[in-house]
């Protein structure tokens, strides 16, 4: 059996694919909300809040949005026929904060409406936007 990896992790493909499917079927805002909700729940008793996981979610959302649009879907298909690798669809994540329990997440980022959180999310979006595959 082969394992799918993104950035050498087996959980990222799951985040990516679920977000892509949600975005393609129901839209990017719903896919993004589901990803953030999952991380909030993880901070309350799971593996902790992870901006790494959010980056995989957001990259998947972007992929799904492209797939759902007839014009960009054609471009997406052409790009997929070419030789692409994970670095073409997934931003660098190694330096993003992760494994944060709720208390630490609140202390460091102030919640999902706070400026430090929004700054981190903007950084993730910039990394995704910089990938040639999504331009």
N, C-alpha and C. Protein backbone atom coordinates (compact mmCIF):
# COMPACT_ATOMS: atom_id res chain seq x y z
N UNK A 1 0.84 -1.18 0.00
CA UNK A 1 0.00 0.00 0.00
C UNK A 1 0.89 1.24 0.00
N UNK A 2 0.53 2.20 -0.82
CA UNK A 2 1.28 3.46 -0.90
C UNK A 2 0.58 4.52 -0.08
N UNK A 3 1.35 5.33 0.59
CA UNK A 3 0.80 6.44 1.37
C UNK A 3 1.00 7.73 0.60
N UNK A 4 -0.03 8.54 0.58
CA UNK A 4 0.09 9.86 -0.04
C UNK A 4 0.63 10.83 1.01
N UNK A 5 1.60 11.64 0.61
CA UNK A 5 2.19 12.63 1.50
C UNK A 5 2.21 13.99 0.84
N UNK A 6 2.07 15.01 1.62
CA UNK A 6 2.33 16.39 1.21
C UNK A 6 3.23 16.97 2.29
N UNK A 7 4.30 17.60 1.89
CA UNK A 7 5.28 18.13 2.84
C UNK A 7 5.68 17.07 3.86
N UNK A 8 5.83 15.84 3.37
CA UNK A 8 6.28 14.69 4.17
C UNK A 8 5.30 14.32 5.29
N UNK A 9 4.04 14.69 5.16
CA UNK A 9 3.05 14.35 6.20
C UNK A 9 1.86 13.66 5.57
N UNK A 10 1.33 12.67 6.28
CA UNK A 10 0.20 11.93 5.74
C UNK A 10 -1.15 12.55 6.08
N UNK A 11 -1.19 13.52 7.00
CA UNK A 11 -2.47 14.17 7.30
C UNK A 11 -2.78 15.30 6.33
N UNK A 12 -1.79 15.89 5.72
CA UNK A 12 -2.04 17.00 4.79
C UNK A 12 -2.87 16.60 3.58
N UNK A 13 -2.62 15.45 2.94
CA UNK A 13 -3.49 15.07 1.82
C UNK A 13 -4.96 14.97 2.23
N UNK A 14 -5.22 14.52 3.44
CA UNK A 14 -6.60 14.44 3.92
C UNK A 14 -7.22 15.82 4.03
N UNK A 15 -6.48 16.75 4.63
CA UNK A 15 -6.97 18.13 4.73
C UNK A 15 -7.20 18.71 3.33
N UNK A 16 -6.23 18.51 2.45
CA UNK A 16 -6.28 19.06 1.10
C UNK A 16 -7.50 18.52 0.34
N UNK A 17 -7.67 17.22 0.32
CA UNK A 17 -8.73 16.59 -0.47
C UNK A 17 -10.12 16.94 0.07
N UNK A 18 -10.29 16.90 1.37
CA UNK A 18 -11.60 17.25 1.96
C UNK A 18 -11.95 18.69 1.63
N UNK A 19 -10.99 19.59 1.78
CA UNK A 19 -11.25 21.00 1.49
C UNK A 19 -11.51 21.22 0.01
N UNK A 20 -10.77 20.53 -0.85
CA UNK A 20 -10.99 20.65 -2.30
C UNK A 20 -12.39 20.19 -2.66
N UNK A 21 -12.80 19.05 -2.12
CA UNK A 21 -14.14 18.53 -2.42
C UNK A 21 -15.23 19.46 -1.91
N UNK A 22 -15.07 19.95 -0.69
CA UNK A 22 -16.07 20.89 -0.15
C UNK A 22 -16.14 22.16 -0.98
N UNK A 23 -14.98 22.70 -1.33
CA UNK A 23 -14.95 23.94 -2.12
C UNK A 23 -15.56 23.74 -3.50
N UNK A 24 -15.26 22.61 -4.14
CA UNK A 24 -15.79 22.35 -5.48
C UNK A 24 -17.31 22.18 -5.45
N UNK A 25 -17.80 21.58 -4.39
CA UNK A 25 -19.24 21.28 -4.32
C UNK A 25 -20.06 22.38 -3.66
N UNK A 26 -19.53 22.96 -2.58
CA UNK A 26 -20.32 23.91 -1.79
C UNK A 26 -19.71 25.30 -1.69
N UNK A 27 -18.50 25.48 -2.17
CA UNK A 27 -17.87 26.79 -2.16
C UNK A 27 -16.74 26.91 -1.15
N UNK A 28 -15.84 27.84 -1.45
CA UNK A 28 -14.68 28.06 -0.61
C UNK A 28 -14.99 28.50 0.81
N UNK A 29 -15.95 29.41 1.01
CA UNK A 29 -16.23 29.83 2.38
C UNK A 29 -16.63 28.69 3.31
N UNK A 30 -17.43 27.75 2.82
CA UNK A 30 -17.80 26.62 3.65
C UNK A 30 -16.58 25.75 3.94
N UNK A 31 -15.78 25.47 2.93
CA UNK A 31 -14.58 24.66 3.12
C UNK A 31 -13.65 25.30 4.15
N UNK A 32 -13.47 26.61 4.04
CA UNK A 32 -12.62 27.32 4.99
C UNK A 32 -13.19 27.26 6.41
N UNK A 33 -14.48 27.44 6.53
CA UNK A 33 -15.12 27.40 7.85
C UNK A 33 -14.98 26.03 8.50
N UNK A 34 -15.14 24.98 7.73
CA UNK A 34 -15.00 23.63 8.26
C UNK A 34 -13.58 23.40 8.76
N UNK A 35 -12.59 23.84 7.99
CA UNK A 35 -11.19 23.68 8.40
C UNK A 35 -10.88 24.41 9.69
N UNK A 36 -11.34 25.65 9.80
CA UNK A 36 -11.09 26.42 11.02
C UNK A 36 -11.81 25.79 12.20
N UNK A 37 -13.05 25.37 12.00
CA UNK A 37 -13.81 24.73 13.08
C UNK A 37 -13.07 23.49 13.59
N UNK A 38 -12.55 22.68 12.67
CA UNK A 38 -11.83 21.48 13.07
C UNK A 38 -10.62 21.84 13.91
N UNK A 39 -9.88 22.87 13.53
CA UNK A 39 -8.70 23.26 14.30
C UNK A 39 -9.08 23.79 15.68
N UNK A 40 -10.17 24.53 15.76
CA UNK A 40 -10.64 25.01 17.07
C UNK A 40 -10.99 23.81 17.96
N UNK A 41 -11.67 22.84 17.39
CA UNK A 41 -12.00 21.63 18.16
C UNK A 41 -10.73 20.88 18.56
N UNK A 42 -9.76 20.81 17.66
CA UNK A 42 -8.49 20.15 18.00
C UNK A 42 -7.78 20.86 19.15
N UNK A 43 -7.93 22.19 19.22
CA UNK A 43 -7.28 22.94 20.31
C UNK A 43 -7.93 22.64 21.66
N UNK A 44 -9.13 22.14 21.63
CA UNK A 44 -9.89 21.88 22.86
C UNK A 44 -9.76 20.45 23.35
N UNK A 45 -8.88 19.70 22.80
CA UNK A 45 -8.72 18.34 23.32
C UNK A 45 -8.14 17.37 22.33
N UNK A 46 -7.81 17.84 21.16
CA UNK A 46 -7.20 16.96 20.16
C UNK A 46 -5.71 17.23 20.05
N UNK A 47 -5.25 17.31 18.84
CA UNK A 47 -3.82 17.50 18.57
C UNK A 47 -3.38 18.95 18.70
N UNK A 48 -4.31 19.87 18.93
CA UNK A 48 -3.98 21.29 19.04
C UNK A 48 -4.25 22.02 17.74
N UNK A 49 -4.39 23.33 17.85
CA UNK A 49 -4.61 24.17 16.66
C UNK A 49 -3.35 24.16 15.81
N UNK A 50 -3.51 23.97 14.51
CA UNK A 50 -2.38 23.86 13.61
C UNK A 50 -2.56 24.76 12.39
N UNK A 51 -1.69 25.75 12.27
CA UNK A 51 -1.71 26.55 11.05
C UNK A 51 -1.18 25.74 9.87
N UNK A 52 -0.41 24.70 10.14
CA UNK A 52 0.03 23.80 9.08
C UNK A 52 -1.18 23.13 8.42
N UNK A 53 -2.09 22.62 9.27
CA UNK A 53 -3.30 22.00 8.74
C UNK A 53 -4.15 23.01 7.98
N UNK A 54 -4.22 24.23 8.52
CA UNK A 54 -4.99 25.29 7.84
C UNK A 54 -4.39 25.56 6.46
N UNK A 55 -3.06 25.55 6.35
CA UNK A 55 -2.43 25.78 5.05
C UNK A 55 -2.82 24.68 4.05
N UNK A 56 -2.86 23.43 4.52
CA UNK A 56 -3.29 22.33 3.65
C UNK A 56 -4.76 22.50 3.26
N UNK A 57 -5.58 22.92 4.24
CA UNK A 57 -7.00 23.18 3.96
C UNK A 57 -7.15 24.27 2.90
N UNK A 58 -6.45 25.37 3.09
CA UNK A 58 -6.58 26.51 2.18
C UNK A 58 -6.07 26.19 0.78
N UNK A 59 -4.99 25.44 0.70
CA UNK A 59 -4.49 25.04 -0.62
C UNK A 59 -5.52 24.14 -1.31
N UNK A 60 -6.12 23.23 -0.55
CA UNK A 60 -7.17 22.37 -1.11
C UNK A 60 -8.38 23.16 -1.54
N UNK A 61 -8.74 24.15 -0.73
CA UNK A 61 -9.87 25.02 -1.08
C UNK A 61 -9.61 25.73 -2.41
N UNK A 62 -8.41 26.26 -2.56
CA UNK A 62 -8.06 26.95 -3.82
C UNK A 62 -8.15 25.98 -4.99
N UNK A 63 -7.65 24.77 -4.81
CA UNK A 63 -7.71 23.75 -5.85
C UNK A 63 -9.17 23.45 -6.20
N UNK A 64 -10.01 23.26 -5.19
CA UNK A 64 -11.42 22.96 -5.42
C UNK A 64 -12.17 24.08 -6.10
N UNK A 65 -11.84 25.32 -5.73
CA UNK A 65 -12.47 26.47 -6.38
C UNK A 65 -12.11 26.51 -7.86
N UNK A 66 -10.86 26.23 -8.17
CA UNK A 66 -10.44 26.19 -9.57
C UNK A 66 -11.16 25.08 -10.32
N UNK A 67 -11.30 23.93 -9.68
CA UNK A 67 -11.95 22.78 -10.32
C UNK A 67 -13.44 23.04 -10.57
N UNK A 68 -14.07 23.85 -9.74
CA UNK A 68 -15.51 24.10 -9.87
C UNK A 68 -15.85 25.12 -10.94
N UNK A 69 -14.90 25.94 -11.33
CA UNK A 69 -15.13 26.97 -12.33
C UNK A 69 -14.80 26.40 -13.71
N UNK A 70 -15.76 26.40 -14.65
CA UNK A 70 -15.50 25.78 -15.96
C UNK A 70 -14.26 26.32 -16.69
N UNK A 71 -14.03 27.61 -16.60
CA UNK A 71 -12.88 28.19 -17.30
C UNK A 71 -11.57 27.75 -16.65
N UNK A 72 -11.47 27.93 -15.34
CA UNK A 72 -10.23 27.55 -14.66
C UNK A 72 -10.07 26.04 -14.58
N UNK A 73 -11.16 25.29 -14.64
CA UNK A 73 -11.07 23.82 -14.60
C UNK A 73 -10.30 23.30 -15.81
N UNK A 74 -10.50 23.93 -16.96
CA UNK A 74 -9.75 23.52 -18.16
C UNK A 74 -8.26 23.76 -17.97
N UNK A 75 -7.92 24.90 -17.41
CA UNK A 75 -6.51 25.22 -17.14
C UNK A 75 -5.96 24.23 -16.11
N UNK A 76 -6.74 23.95 -15.09
CA UNK A 76 -6.34 23.00 -14.05
C UNK A 76 -6.05 21.63 -14.67
N UNK A 77 -6.92 21.18 -15.56
CA UNK A 77 -6.70 19.88 -16.21
C UNK A 77 -5.42 19.87 -17.02
N UNK A 78 -5.14 20.96 -17.72
CA UNK A 78 -3.91 21.04 -18.51
C UNK A 78 -2.69 20.99 -17.59
N UNK A 79 -2.76 21.70 -16.48
CA UNK A 79 -1.64 21.71 -15.54
C UNK A 79 -1.44 20.34 -14.90
N UNK A 80 -2.53 19.64 -14.64
CA UNK A 80 -2.42 18.32 -14.04
C UNK A 80 -1.82 17.31 -15.01
N UNK A 81 -2.04 17.51 -16.30
CA UNK A 81 -1.46 16.62 -17.31
C UNK A 81 0.06 16.79 -17.39
N UNK A 82 0.52 18.00 -17.04
CA UNK A 82 1.96 18.25 -17.01
C UNK A 82 2.54 17.58 -15.76
N UNK A 83 3.79 17.53 -15.71
CA UNK A 83 4.45 16.93 -14.55
C UNK A 83 4.44 17.94 -13.39
N UNK A 84 3.61 17.66 -12.39
CA UNK A 84 3.56 18.54 -11.23
C UNK A 84 3.95 17.74 -9.99
N UNK A 85 4.41 18.46 -9.01
CA UNK A 85 4.78 17.84 -7.74
C UNK A 85 4.05 18.54 -6.60
N UNK A 86 4.28 18.05 -5.41
CA UNK A 86 3.57 18.60 -4.27
C UNK A 86 3.91 20.06 -4.03
N UNK A 87 5.12 20.48 -4.35
CA UNK A 87 5.50 21.88 -4.14
C UNK A 87 4.76 22.82 -5.09
N UNK A 88 4.13 22.25 -6.13
CA UNK A 88 3.33 23.06 -7.04
C UNK A 88 1.95 23.37 -6.48
N UNK A 89 1.45 22.53 -5.58
CA UNK A 89 0.08 22.71 -5.07
C UNK A 89 0.01 23.00 -3.58
N UNK A 90 1.13 22.82 -2.87
CA UNK A 90 1.13 22.94 -1.42
C UNK A 90 2.23 23.89 -0.98
N UNK A 91 1.89 24.92 -0.19
CA UNK A 91 2.92 25.86 0.26
C UNK A 91 3.82 25.26 1.34
N UNK A 92 4.92 25.92 1.58
CA UNK A 92 5.81 25.52 2.67
C UNK A 92 5.07 25.71 4.00
N UNK A 93 5.21 24.74 4.89
CA UNK A 93 4.49 24.80 6.16
C UNK A 93 5.36 24.56 7.39
N UNK A 94 6.59 24.17 7.19
CA UNK A 94 7.43 23.73 8.30
C UNK A 94 7.57 24.76 9.42
N UNK A 95 7.50 26.03 9.09
CA UNK A 95 7.71 27.08 10.09
C UNK A 95 6.41 27.60 10.71
N UNK A 96 5.28 27.04 10.34
CA UNK A 96 4.01 27.52 10.87
C UNK A 96 3.72 26.90 12.24
N UNK A 97 3.11 27.66 13.14
CA UNK A 97 2.81 27.14 14.48
C UNK A 97 1.76 26.03 14.43
N UNK A 98 1.95 25.03 15.29
CA UNK A 98 0.99 23.94 15.37
C UNK A 98 1.01 23.34 16.77
N UNK A 99 0.13 22.38 17.00
CA UNK A 99 0.00 21.65 18.26
C UNK A 99 -0.32 22.58 19.44
N UNK A 100 -1.10 23.64 19.19
CA UNK A 100 -1.41 24.60 20.26
C UNK A 100 -2.73 24.26 20.94
N UNK A 101 -2.68 23.98 22.26
CA UNK A 101 -3.93 23.87 23.00
C UNK A 101 -4.66 25.21 22.97
N UNK A 102 -5.93 25.20 23.25
CA UNK A 102 -6.76 26.41 23.17
C UNK A 102 -6.15 27.59 23.92
N UNK A 103 -5.70 27.35 25.12
CA UNK A 103 -5.15 28.45 25.94
C UNK A 103 -3.94 29.11 25.26
N UNK A 104 -3.06 28.27 24.72
CA UNK A 104 -1.88 28.80 24.02
C UNK A 104 -2.29 29.52 22.73
N UNK A 105 -3.21 28.94 21.99
CA UNK A 105 -3.69 29.58 20.77
C UNK A 105 -4.27 30.97 21.08
N UNK A 106 -5.08 31.05 22.12
CA UNK A 106 -5.67 32.34 22.53
C UNK A 106 -4.59 33.32 22.95
N UNK A 107 -3.62 32.86 23.71
CA UNK A 107 -2.54 33.74 24.18
C UNK A 107 -1.72 34.28 23.02
N UNK A 108 -1.37 33.42 22.09
CA UNK A 108 -0.49 33.82 21.00
C UNK A 108 -1.22 34.56 19.87
N UNK A 109 -2.48 34.15 19.59
CA UNK A 109 -3.16 34.68 18.41
C UNK A 109 -4.47 35.39 18.72
N UNK A 110 -4.96 35.30 19.94
CA UNK A 110 -6.13 36.07 20.36
C UNK A 110 -7.46 35.61 19.79
N UNK A 111 -7.52 34.46 19.17
CA UNK A 111 -8.76 34.00 18.57
C UNK A 111 -8.84 34.33 17.10
N UNK A 112 -9.90 33.86 16.44
CA UNK A 112 -9.98 33.97 14.98
C UNK A 112 -10.37 35.35 14.47
N UNK A 113 -10.72 36.26 15.37
CA UNK A 113 -11.04 37.62 14.94
C UNK A 113 -9.93 38.61 15.26
N UNK A 114 -8.86 38.15 15.88
CA UNK A 114 -7.79 39.03 16.34
C UNK A 114 -6.76 39.29 15.24
N UNK A 115 -6.12 40.44 15.28
CA UNK A 115 -5.10 40.79 14.27
C UNK A 115 -3.96 39.77 14.13
N UNK A 116 -3.40 39.21 15.22
CA UNK A 116 -2.32 38.23 14.99
C UNK A 116 -2.78 37.00 14.21
N UNK A 117 -4.00 36.54 14.46
CA UNK A 117 -4.55 35.42 13.71
C UNK A 117 -4.72 35.82 12.24
N UNK A 118 -5.29 36.96 12.01
CA UNK A 118 -5.51 37.42 10.63
C UNK A 118 -4.19 37.61 9.89
N UNK A 119 -3.17 38.04 10.60
CA UNK A 119 -1.85 38.20 9.99
C UNK A 119 -1.29 36.84 9.56
N UNK A 120 -1.44 35.84 10.42
CA UNK A 120 -0.96 34.49 10.08
C UNK A 120 -1.75 33.93 8.90
N UNK A 121 -3.05 34.16 8.88
CA UNK A 121 -3.86 33.68 7.76
C UNK A 121 -3.46 34.39 6.46
N UNK A 122 -3.16 35.67 6.54
CA UNK A 122 -2.72 36.41 5.34
C UNK A 122 -1.39 35.85 4.84
N UNK A 123 -0.50 35.46 5.74
CA UNK A 123 0.77 34.85 5.36
C UNK A 123 0.54 33.54 4.61
N UNK A 124 -0.37 32.74 5.12
CA UNK A 124 -0.70 31.47 4.45
C UNK A 124 -1.27 31.73 3.06
N UNK A 125 -2.19 32.68 2.97
CA UNK A 125 -2.79 33.01 1.66
C UNK A 125 -1.72 33.52 0.69
N UNK A 126 -0.76 34.30 1.18
CA UNK A 126 0.31 34.78 0.31
C UNK A 126 1.16 33.62 -0.20
N UNK A 127 1.43 32.67 0.66
CA UNK A 127 2.23 31.52 0.24
C UNK A 127 1.50 30.73 -0.85
N UNK A 128 0.21 30.57 -0.68
CA UNK A 128 -0.56 29.83 -1.69
C UNK A 128 -0.61 30.63 -3.00
N UNK A 129 -0.85 31.92 -2.89
CA UNK A 129 -0.93 32.77 -4.08
C UNK A 129 0.41 32.81 -4.85
N UNK A 130 1.50 32.58 -4.15
CA UNK A 130 2.81 32.61 -4.79
C UNK A 130 3.08 31.34 -5.61
N UNK A 131 2.31 30.29 -5.39
CA UNK A 131 2.51 29.06 -6.15
C UNK A 131 2.00 29.25 -7.58
N UNK A 132 2.85 29.00 -8.54
CA UNK A 132 2.50 29.22 -9.95
C UNK A 132 1.27 28.44 -10.37
N UNK A 133 1.04 27.28 -9.77
CA UNK A 133 -0.09 26.44 -10.13
C UNK A 133 -1.42 27.16 -9.96
N UNK A 134 -1.52 28.03 -8.96
CA UNK A 134 -2.78 28.70 -8.66
C UNK A 134 -2.91 30.08 -9.29
N UNK A 135 -1.96 30.46 -10.09
CA UNK A 135 -2.06 31.78 -10.73
C UNK A 135 -2.77 31.69 -12.05
